[in-house]
Amino acid sequence: MRPLRAASHGATPNFAERLLSIQRDEWPALALAFFYFFFLLCSYYILRPIRDEMGIAAGVSNMQWLFTGTFFAMILVMPLYGAVASRLPRRRLVPVVYYFFIANIFVFYGLFAGGIDHAWVARVFFVWVSVFNLFVVSVFWSLLVDLFTAEQARRLFGVVAAGGSAGAIAGPTITAAFAAQVGPVALLPVSAILLLCAVGCVHGLVAHVRGREAAGIHRPDPQANEPLGGSVLSGVGSVLRSPYLLGIAVFVFLYTLPGGLLYFSQASLIDGMESDPGRRTQILASIDLVVNIATIGTQLFITSFLARRFGLAFTLALIPVLGAIGIACFAIWPVLPVLVALQVVRRAGEFAITKPAREMLWSRVSDIDKYKAKNVVDTVVYRGGDVLSSWSFTLFTAAGLSLSAIALVGIPVALVWAGVGIMLGRAYRASAGQQAPRRPAVEAP
């Protein structure tokens, strides 16, 4: 799928275009990408607090098993995704993934509504949502880095990410408003409908590209309608062979470690202060809401500025350094308000700054790596870090460590994470003059 390129035009940019660094002919694709991410994250953030409450209800001391189950589910799902990606053209791959998950949501709705083995269904649902969110977001960014050039990514990905944050505000708002009244299960069909709206935006983006190709604005990409090819596990081989891709994998892995420890600390504190499932769901949804409100303004006005003004190395390292400072504060004052404030800064910074910057790194790789290697990093590597952090928290608490002492473990990890971000930013800058091949020279065995 040939990247969208701005066509030259003589119109004077309006205020919004100057403020957000958007060229006039980029608006249609940008709007579709914005609403695509809006519907996608709105769908997920309806499910997220429901999942988290079910995890707490199962017992915080047992949650490491849920994360372990999620990791092994990723191991099982990854080859299936690789097989489908090898056989389907990119323009069909993304909608197929979403249709599959929409069907899953309705299956869970039927199981919960029928009261079939509720405890086990709840555990499976927790694992499924943890797989769902990484897959749907991973293929979203795969499509975006396939459609937009590296230069456009620096200017536009902050605005696109703001669409996701708007959806991430709407999602927990819906859950917080209605979970206690109608019950969390009744919200599952709403999530499915929103995901279907996201699929509509995918089809709109594809139609937009085809229209520009038909009008002669872009040369048609003959590979866009061909399967990606490669073996089922070619993404794993790409990550292991490439120092650049391996660096991205290490960056993602390090991100999950302090984040996981803070997640379990939050679950432990909430479990100790509230026993009602509806109220716990509301508290978790409210935290998500505050995080996403803090995120959206940053994405619109700061993300692209940081990437253009200070470079990717600074942008990637900023949140890890701030996270280390915040963790130190929580270690001194290990109470829920301080942890919530830290989570707001850390997660808002991750969504608004680190995540869009991290996605820019993928604009330098081949098409097949954008879909296959990226999926390996965004799913298996990510959940592998979750497993390590969950079992680490379990072992630390079993050893009698306080939440303050556990938090201190995250400080050196965050600083190493910052160092890897600086190295990746420099590698990205060094590759600026290189054109990523449309296919890797050698396929993974």
Protein backbone atom coordinates (compact mmCIF):
# COMPACT_ATOMS: atom_id res chain seq x y z
CA MET A 1 0.00 0.00 0.00
CA ARG A 2 1.79 3.06 -1.24
CA PRO A 3 2.11 5.76 1.45
CA LEU A 4 -0.13 8.79 1.14
CA ARG A 5 1.80 11.81 -0.02
CA ALA A 6 0.66 15.37 0.09
CA ALA A 7 -0.03 16.85 -3.33
CA SER A 8 1.27 20.32 -4.00
CA HIS A 9 -1.30 23.10 -3.83
CA GLY A 10 -1.24 26.83 -3.71
CA ALA A 11 -3.94 27.43 -1.09
CA THR A 12 -2.89 29.37 1.98
CA PRO A 13 -3.04 27.18 5.12
CA ASN A 14 -5.70 28.20 7.61
CA PHE A 15 -5.05 28.65 11.33
CA ALA A 16 -5.77 25.02 12.25
CA GLU A 17 -3.53 23.75 9.46
CA ARG A 18 -0.67 25.98 10.61
CA LEU A 19 -1.19 25.13 14.29
CA LEU A 20 -1.32 21.36 13.72
CA SER A 21 1.13 21.26 10.76
CA ILE A 22 -1.47 19.71 8.44
CA GLN A 23 -1.53 20.18 4.67
CA ARG A 24 -4.95 20.75 3.15
CA ASP A 25 -5.14 17.60 1.01
CA GLU A 26 -4.24 15.44 4.03
CA TRP A 27 -7.53 16.17 5.83
CA PRO A 28 -9.68 13.33 4.39
CA ALA A 29 -7.22 10.56 5.26
CA LEU A 30 -6.38 12.19 8.60
CA ALA A 31 -10.07 12.46 9.53
CA LEU A 32 -10.68 8.81 8.67
CA ALA A 33 -7.62 7.76 10.71
CA PHE A 34 -8.73 9.98 13.62
CA PHE A 35 -12.23 8.45 13.80
CA TYR A 36 -10.89 4.96 13.14
CA PHE A 37 -8.78 5.24 16.31
CA PHE A 38 -11.64 6.95 18.16
CA PHE A 39 -14.05 4.07 17.60
CA LEU A 40 -11.34 1.47 18.21
CA LEU A 41 -10.30 2.75 21.64
CA CYS A 42 -13.83 3.66 22.64
CA SER A 43 -14.72 0.00 22.05
CA TYR A 44 -11.72 -1.22 24.04
CA TYR A 45 -12.13 1.19 26.97
CA ILE A 46 -15.68 -0.02 27.51
CA LEU A 47 -14.20 -3.49 27.98
CA ARG A 48 -11.06 -2.56 29.94
CA PRO A 49 -12.60 -1.63 33.34
CA ILE A 50 -14.91 -4.67 33.05
CA ARG A 51 -11.83 -6.85 32.53
CA ASP A 52 -9.90 -5.22 35.37
CA GLU A 53 -12.80 -5.63 37.81
CA MET A 54 -13.07 -9.31 36.91
CA GLY A 55 -9.34 -9.65 37.56
CA ILE A 56 -9.69 -8.08 41.01
CA ALA A 57 -12.75 -10.23 41.74
CA ALA A 58 -10.67 -13.33 40.95
CA GLY A 59 -8.19 -12.19 43.62
CA VAL A 60 -5.18 -9.92 43.24
CA SER A 61 -3.00 -12.76 44.53
CA ASN A 62 -4.14 -14.87 41.55
CA MET A 63 -3.79 -12.27 38.81
CA GLN A 64 -0.30 -13.43 37.82
CA TRP A 65 -1.97 -16.60 36.50
CA LEU A 66 -4.24 -14.51 34.30
CA PHE A 67 -1.24 -12.66 32.86
CA THR A 68 0.58 -15.95 32.34
CA GLY A 69 -2.47 -17.33 30.56
CA THR A 70 -2.54 -14.19 28.40
CA PHE A 71 1.10 -14.68 27.42
CA PHE A 72 0.55 -18.28 26.36
CA ALA A 73 -2.60 -17.26 24.51
CA MET A 74 -0.43 -14.79 22.58
CA ILE A 75 2.03 -17.58 21.79
CA LEU A 76 -0.84 -19.65 20.37
CA VAL A 77 -2.51 -16.81 18.47
CA MET A 78 0.65 -15.34 16.89
CA PRO A 79 1.22 -18.22 14.39
CA LEU A 80 -2.47 -18.10 13.43
CA TYR A 81 -2.20 -14.39 12.74
CA GLY A 82 1.05 -14.99 10.82
CA ALA A 83 -0.66 -17.60 8.67
CA VAL A 84 -3.58 -15.29 7.88
CA ALA A 85 -1.22 -12.35 7.22
CA SER A 86 0.81 -14.49 4.81
CA ARG A 87 -2.28 -15.27 2.74
CA LEU A 88 -4.36 -12.08 2.79
CA PRO A 89 -3.60 -8.75 1.11
CA ARG A 90 -3.01 -5.91 3.53
CA ARG A 91 -6.22 -4.18 2.48
CA ARG A 92 -8.23 -7.22 3.60
CA LEU A 93 -6.15 -8.31 6.59
CA VAL A 94 -7.14 -5.52 8.99
CA PRO A 95 -10.94 -5.80 8.51
CA VAL A 96 -10.75 -9.61 8.86
CA VAL A 97 -8.99 -9.23 12.24
CA TYR A 98 -11.68 -6.85 13.47
CA TYR A 99 -14.60 -8.97 12.24
CA PHE A 100 -13.13 -11.90 14.14
CA PHE A 101 -13.02 -9.93 17.41
CA ILE A 102 -16.54 -8.53 16.88
CA ALA A 103 -17.84 -12.09 16.68
CA ASN A 104 -15.91 -12.92 19.87
CA ILE A 105 -17.58 -10.08 21.78
CA PHE A 106 -21.04 -11.38 20.93
CA VAL A 107 -20.01 -14.89 21.97
CA PHE A 108 -18.93 -13.59 25.40
CA TYR A 109 -22.12 -11.58 25.70
CA GLY A 110 -24.14 -14.74 25.11
CA LEU A 111 -22.11 -16.69 27.67
CA PHE A 112 -22.34 -14.01 30.38
CA ALA A 113 -26.03 -13.38 29.74
CA GLY A 114 -26.71 -17.12 29.97
CA GLY A 115 -24.76 -17.47 33.22
CA ILE A 116 -22.69 -20.34 31.82
CA ASP A 117 -19.85 -21.19 34.27
CA HIS A 118 -19.45 -17.54 35.11
CA ALA A 119 -16.15 -17.77 37.02
CA TRP A 120 -14.29 -19.53 34.22
CA VAL A 121 -15.87 -17.41 31.52
CA ALA A 122 -14.73 -14.31 33.44
CA ARG A 123 -11.13 -15.61 33.52
CA VAL A 124 -11.20 -16.41 29.81
CA PHE A 125 -12.69 -12.96 29.16
CA PHE A 126 -9.82 -11.31 31.07
CA VAL A 127 -7.28 -13.15 28.92
CA TRP A 128 -9.24 -12.47 25.73
CA VAL A 129 -9.49 -8.70 26.35
CA SER A 130 -5.74 -8.63 27.06
CA VAL A 131 -5.14 -10.28 23.67
CA PHE A 132 -7.80 -8.19 21.94
CA ASN A 133 -6.46 -4.78 22.89
CA LEU A 134 -2.92 -5.46 21.70
CA PHE A 135 -3.97 -7.03 18.41
CA VAL A 136 -6.49 -4.41 17.35
CA VAL A 137 -4.17 -1.52 18.22
CA SER A 138 -1.15 -3.23 16.64
CA VAL A 139 -2.86 -3.72 13.27
CA PHE A 140 -4.18 -0.15 13.48
CA TRP A 141 -0.66 1.26 13.67
CA SER A 142 0.56 -1.25 11.07
CA LEU A 143 -1.97 0.19 8.63
CA LEU A 144 -1.12 3.77 9.56
CA VAL A 145 2.66 3.43 9.11
CA ASP A 146 1.88 1.68 5.81
CA LEU A 147 -0.29 4.56 4.60
CA PHE A 148 1.64 7.62 5.81
CA THR A 149 5.23 8.58 5.09
CA ALA A 150 7.84 9.02 7.83
CA GLU A 151 7.63 12.80 7.42
CA GLN A 152 3.85 12.73 7.75
CA ALA A 153 4.14 10.46 10.79
CA ARG A 154 6.13 13.13 12.65
CA ARG A 155 3.47 15.74 11.88
CA LEU A 156 0.23 13.78 11.98
CA PHE A 157 0.53 10.86 14.39
CA GLY A 158 -0.05 13.08 17.41
CA VAL A 159 -3.37 14.22 15.93
CA VAL A 160 -4.31 10.64 15.02
CA ALA A 161 -3.44 9.52 18.55
CA ALA A 162 -5.72 12.27 19.89
CA GLY A 163 -8.58 10.53 18.11
CA GLY A 164 -7.77 7.43 20.13
CA SER A 165 -7.67 9.47 23.33
CA ALA A 166 -11.07 10.99 22.54
CA GLY A 167 -12.39 7.45 22.19
CA ALA A 168 -10.59 6.45 25.36
CA ILE A 169 -12.44 9.27 27.14
CA ALA A 170 -15.82 8.28 25.71
CA GLY A 171 -15.37 4.57 26.49
CA PRO A 172 -14.80 4.75 30.27
CA THR A 173 -17.38 7.55 30.48
CA ILE A 174 -19.97 5.14 29.10
CA THR A 175 -18.82 2.38 31.45
CA ALA A 176 -18.66 4.62 34.53
CA ALA A 177 -22.13 6.02 33.77
CA PHE A 178 -23.96 2.77 33.11
CA ALA A 179 -22.00 -0.16 34.64
CA ALA A 180 -23.67 0.10 38.04
CA GLN A 181 -27.17 0.69 36.58
CA VAL A 182 -27.44 -1.85 33.75
CA GLY A 183 -24.54 -4.14 34.65
CA PRO A 184 -21.18 -4.46 32.85
CA VAL A 185 -22.34 -7.35 30.62
CA ALA A 186 -24.99 -5.18 28.93
CA LEU A 187 -22.22 -2.91 27.59
CA LEU A 188 -20.55 -5.63 25.50
CA PRO A 189 -22.82 -5.17 22.43
CA VAL A 190 -22.08 -1.43 22.54
CA SER A 191 -18.37 -2.23 22.34
CA ALA A 192 -18.99 -4.52 19.35
CA ILE A 193 -20.97 -1.85 17.49
CA LEU A 194 -18.21 0.70 18.02
CA LEU A 195 -15.63 -1.76 16.70
CA LEU A 196 -17.81 -2.22 13.63
CA CYS A 197 -17.71 1.57 13.12
CA ALA A 198 -13.90 1.34 13.21
CA VAL A 199 -14.05 -1.25 10.42
CA GLY A 200 -16.13 1.22 8.42
CA CYS A 201 -13.29 3.74 8.74
CA VAL A 202 -10.80 1.11 7.53
CA HIS A 203 -12.88 0.57 4.40
CA GLY A 204 -13.10 4.34 4.00
CA LEU A 205 -9.31 4.70 4.14
CA VAL A 206 -8.83 1.94 1.57
CA ALA A 207 -11.45 3.51 -0.72
CA HIS A 208 -9.71 6.89 -0.33
CA VAL A 209 -6.38 5.40 -1.39
CA ARG A 210 -7.95 3.65 -4.37
CA GLY A 211 -9.68 6.87 -5.39
CA ARG A 212 -6.42 8.80 -5.35
CA GLU A 213 -4.73 6.04 -7.32
CA ALA A 214 -7.55 6.07 -9.89
CA ALA A 215 -7.27 9.87 -10.19
CA GLY A 216 -3.55 9.59 -10.88
CA ILE A 217 -2.55 11.42 -7.68
CA HIS A 218 -0.70 8.31 -6.52
CA ARG A 219 0.83 5.56 -8.55
CA PRO A 220 -1.00 2.28 -7.82
CA ASP A 221 0.89 -0.06 -5.52
CA PRO A 222 0.79 -3.48 -7.22
CA GLN A 223 1.68 -5.22 -3.96
CA ALA A 224 -1.28 -3.75 -2.05
CA ASN A 225 -3.61 -6.46 -3.34
CA GLU A 226 -1.10 -9.27 -2.91
CA PRO A 227 -0.61 -11.40 0.22
CA LEU A 228 2.30 -10.35 2.42
CA GLY A 229 3.86 -13.78 2.02
CA GLY A 230 6.61 -15.10 4.23
CA SER A 231 6.38 -17.92 6.72
CA VAL A 232 4.04 -18.07 9.69
CA LEU A 233 6.84 -17.04 12.09
CA SER A 234 8.77 -14.72 9.77
CA GLY A 235 8.12 -11.80 12.15
CA VAL A 236 10.06 -13.57 14.91
CA GLY A 237 13.01 -14.12 12.60
CA SER A 238 13.00 -10.47 11.53
CA VAL A 239 13.12 -9.26 15.13
CA LEU A 240 15.97 -11.60 16.05
CA ARG A 241 18.05 -10.72 12.96
CA SER A 242 17.70 -6.93 13.06
CA PRO A 243 19.42 -4.88 15.81
CA TYR A 244 16.95 -2.07 15.08
CA LEU A 245 13.87 -4.27 15.51
CA LEU A 246 15.42 -5.99 18.53
CA GLY A 247 15.96 -2.56 20.07
CA ILE A 248 12.26 -1.74 19.62
CA ALA A 249 11.41 -5.06 21.26
CA VAL A 250 13.63 -4.28 24.26
CA PHE A 251 12.09 -0.80 24.52
CA VAL A 252 8.56 -2.26 24.64
CA PHE A 253 9.60 -4.97 27.11
CA LEU A 254 11.15 -2.43 29.50
CA TYR A 255 8.02 -0.27 29.28
CA THR A 256 5.86 -3.10 30.61
CA LEU A 257 7.96 -3.85 33.72
CA PRO A 258 7.44 -0.72 35.88
CA GLY A 259 3.96 -0.33 34.40
CA GLY A 260 3.05 -3.86 35.50
CA LEU A 261 4.28 -3.31 39.03
CA LEU A 262 2.22 -0.12 39.27
CA TYR A 263 -0.83 -1.89 37.83
CA PHE A 264 -0.70 -4.55 40.55
CA SER A 265 -0.10 -1.95 43.23
CA GLN A 266 -3.20 -0.11 42.03
CA ALA A 267 -5.27 -3.32 42.03
CA SER A 268 -4.09 -4.13 45.54
CA LEU A 269 -5.00 -0.69 46.91
CA ILE A 270 -8.44 -0.65 45.23
CA ASP A 271 -9.19 -4.20 46.40
CA GLY A 272 -8.48 -3.11 49.96
CA MET A 273 -10.81 -0.12 49.86
CA GLU A 274 -13.85 -1.34 47.87
CA SER A 275 -15.65 -4.71 47.70
CA ASP A 276 -18.60 -3.94 45.38
CA PRO A 277 -17.89 -4.99 41.75
CA GLY A 278 -19.92 -2.14 40.27
CA ARG A 279 -18.10 0.45 42.38
CA ARG A 280 -14.70 -1.05 41.54
CA THR A 281 -15.59 -0.89 37.84
CA GLN A 282 -16.58 2.76 38.26
CA ILE A 283 -13.33 3.63 40.08
CA LEU A 284 -11.22 1.95 37.40
CA ALA A 285 -13.21 3.62 34.62
CA SER A 286 -12.81 7.01 36.36
CA ILE A 287 -9.03 6.56 36.50
CA ASP A 288 -9.02 5.73 32.78
CA LEU A 289 -11.14 8.82 32.14
CA VAL A 290 -8.74 11.17 33.97
CA VAL A 291 -5.75 9.61 32.16
CA ASN A 292 -7.32 10.10 28.75
CA ILE A 293 -8.48 13.65 29.38
CA ALA A 294 -4.91 14.53 30.33
CA THR A 295 -3.68 12.82 27.17
CA ILE A 296 -5.70 14.41 24.42
CA GLY A 297 -4.44 18.00 24.65
CA THR A 298 -0.85 16.79 24.74
CA GLN A 299 -1.36 14.73 21.60
CA LEU A 300 -2.91 17.58 19.66
CA PHE A 301 -0.40 20.30 20.48
CA ILE A 302 2.79 18.85 21.99
CA THR A 303 3.62 15.44 20.46
CA SER A 304 4.48 16.58 16.95
CA PHE A 305 6.27 19.65 18.35
CA LEU A 306 8.55 17.50 20.52
CA ALA A 307 9.33 15.10 17.67
CA ARG A 308 10.09 17.94 15.23
CA ARG A 309 11.86 20.30 17.64
CA PHE A 310 13.87 17.95 19.87
CA GLY A 311 14.02 14.77 17.82
CA LEU A 312 12.89 11.24 18.42
CA ALA A 313 15.63 10.34 20.93
CA PHE A 314 14.47 13.04 23.37
CA THR A 315 10.81 12.21 22.78
CA LEU A 316 11.30 8.49 23.47
CA ALA A 317 13.33 9.12 26.65
CA LEU A 318 11.14 11.84 28.19
CA ILE A 319 8.38 9.72 29.77
CA PRO A 320 10.75 7.02 31.14
CA VAL A 321 12.68 9.74 32.99
CA LEU A 322 9.50 11.36 34.32
CA GLY A 323 8.25 7.89 35.28
CA ALA A 324 11.37 7.24 37.35
CA ILE A 325 10.75 10.49 39.24
CA GLY A 326 7.08 9.60 39.80
CA ILE A 327 7.94 6.11 41.05
CA ALA A 328 10.31 7.65 43.58
CA CYS A 329 7.43 9.83 44.82
CA PHE A 330 5.15 6.80 45.20
CA ALA A 331 7.89 4.95 47.10
CA ILE A 332 7.90 7.81 49.61
CA TRP A 333 4.08 8.17 49.78
CA PRO A 334 2.55 4.74 48.89
CA VAL A 335 -1.11 5.79 48.90
CA LEU A 336 -3.79 5.58 46.17
CA PRO A 337 -4.01 9.33 45.35
CA VAL A 338 -0.25 9.49 44.71
CA LEU A 339 -0.40 6.30 42.64
CA VAL A 340 -3.32 7.62 40.62
CA ALA A 341 -1.41 10.87 39.95
CA LEU A 342 1.62 8.82 38.85
CA GLN A 343 -0.55 6.63 36.62
CA VAL A 344 -2.09 9.73 35.03
CA VAL A 345 1.32 11.22 34.21
CA ARG A 346 2.88 7.92 33.15
CA ARG A 347 -0.01 6.57 31.08
CA ALA A 348 -0.98 9.92 29.59
CA GLY A 349 2.65 10.49 28.62
CA GLU A 350 2.88 7.00 27.15
CA PHE A 351 -0.27 7.43 25.06
CA ALA A 352 0.40 11.04 24.06
CA ILE A 353 4.17 11.08 23.53
CA THR A 354 5.94 7.73 23.79
CA LYS A 355 3.42 5.63 21.83
CA PRO A 356 3.20 7.89 18.73
CA ALA A 357 6.99 8.29 18.80
CA ARG A 358 7.43 4.53 19.09
CA GLU A 359 5.15 4.01 16.09
CA MET A 360 7.27 6.42 14.04
CA LEU A 361 10.14 3.95 14.38
CA TRP A 362 8.22 1.43 12.26
CA SER A 363 8.07 3.80 9.28
CA ARG A 364 11.69 2.79 8.49
CA VAL A 365 11.01 -0.93 8.02
CA SER A 366 9.68 -3.10 5.19
CA ASP A 367 6.00 -3.76 4.58
CA ILE A 368 6.14 -7.31 5.88
CA ASP A 369 7.88 -6.18 9.09
CA LYS A 370 5.23 -3.49 9.64
CA TYR A 371 2.62 -6.22 9.95
CA LYS A 372 4.48 -9.32 11.14
CA ALA A 373 7.51 -8.20 13.19
CA LYS A 374 5.46 -5.36 14.66
CA ASN A 375 2.75 -7.77 15.74
CA VAL A 376 5.33 -9.98 17.49
CA VAL A 377 6.68 -7.00 19.43
CA ASP A 378 3.27 -5.50 20.23
CA THR A 379 1.76 -8.77 21.46
CA VAL A 380 4.17 -11.51 22.54
CA VAL A 381 6.99 -9.25 23.73
CA TYR A 382 4.54 -6.90 25.44
CA ARG A 383 2.70 -9.67 27.26
CA GLY A 384 6.00 -11.38 28.10
CA GLY A 385 6.91 -8.26 30.06
CA ASP A 386 3.50 -8.38 31.74
CA VAL A 387 4.13 -11.95 32.86
CA LEU A 388 7.53 -11.07 34.31
CA SER A 389 6.14 -8.04 36.18
CA SER A 390 3.14 -10.01 37.51
CA TRP A 391 5.24 -12.84 38.91
CA SER A 392 7.80 -10.36 40.23
CA PHE A 393 5.05 -8.57 42.16
CA THR A 394 3.84 -11.92 43.53
CA LEU A 395 7.33 -12.92 44.66
CA PHE A 396 8.04 -9.50 46.17
CA THR A 397 4.82 -9.52 48.20
CA ALA A 398 5.42 -13.13 49.27
CA ALA A 399 8.83 -12.04 50.52
CA GLY A 400 7.15 -9.39 52.65
CA LEU A 401 8.19 -6.32 50.63
CA SER A 402 5.99 -3.26 50.99
CA LEU A 403 4.53 -1.38 48.02
CA SER A 404 7.20 1.29 48.58
CA ALA A 405 10.03 -1.23 48.28
CA ILE A 406 8.46 -2.83 45.22
CA ALA A 407 8.13 0.56 43.54
CA LEU A 408 11.85 1.23 43.95
CA VAL A 409 12.58 -1.72 41.64
CA GLY A 410 10.98 0.23 38.80
CA ILE A 411 13.38 3.18 38.99
CA PRO A 412 16.52 1.58 37.44
CA VAL A 413 14.33 -0.21 34.88
CA ALA A 414 12.82 3.13 33.81
CA LEU A 415 16.28 4.69 33.44
CA VAL A 416 17.50 1.80 31.27
CA TRP A 417 14.29 2.17 29.26
CA ALA A 418 15.18 5.83 28.68
CA GLY A 419 18.67 4.86 27.50
CA VAL A 420 17.27 2.39 24.96
CA GLY A 421 14.92 5.10 23.71
CA ILE A 422 17.84 7.45 23.09
CA MET A 423 19.69 4.76 21.12
CA LEU A 424 16.61 4.01 19.03
CA GLY A 425 16.05 7.69 18.29
CA ARG A 426 19.62 8.00 17.05
CA ALA A 427 19.26 4.87 14.91
CA TYR A 428 16.07 6.28 13.41
CA ARG A 429 17.82 9.55 12.56
CA ALA A 430 20.77 7.68 11.03
CA SER A 431 18.38 5.76 8.76
CA ALA A 432 16.63 8.91 7.54
CA GLY A 433 18.26 8.75 4.13
CA GLN A 434 17.58 5.06 3.64
CA GLN A 435 14.47 3.72 1.90
CA ALA A 436 12.94 0.67 3.53
CA PRO A 437 12.45 -2.15 0.98
CA ARG A 438 8.94 -3.16 0.04
CA ARG A 439 9.91 -6.73 0.88
CA PRO A 440 12.89 -8.03 2.88
CA ALA A 441 15.74 -9.34 0.76
CA VAL A 442 15.66 -12.72 2.51
CA GLU A 443 12.51 -14.29 3.90
CA ALA A 444 12.66 -15.90 7.31
CA PRO A 445 12.71 -19.68 7.13
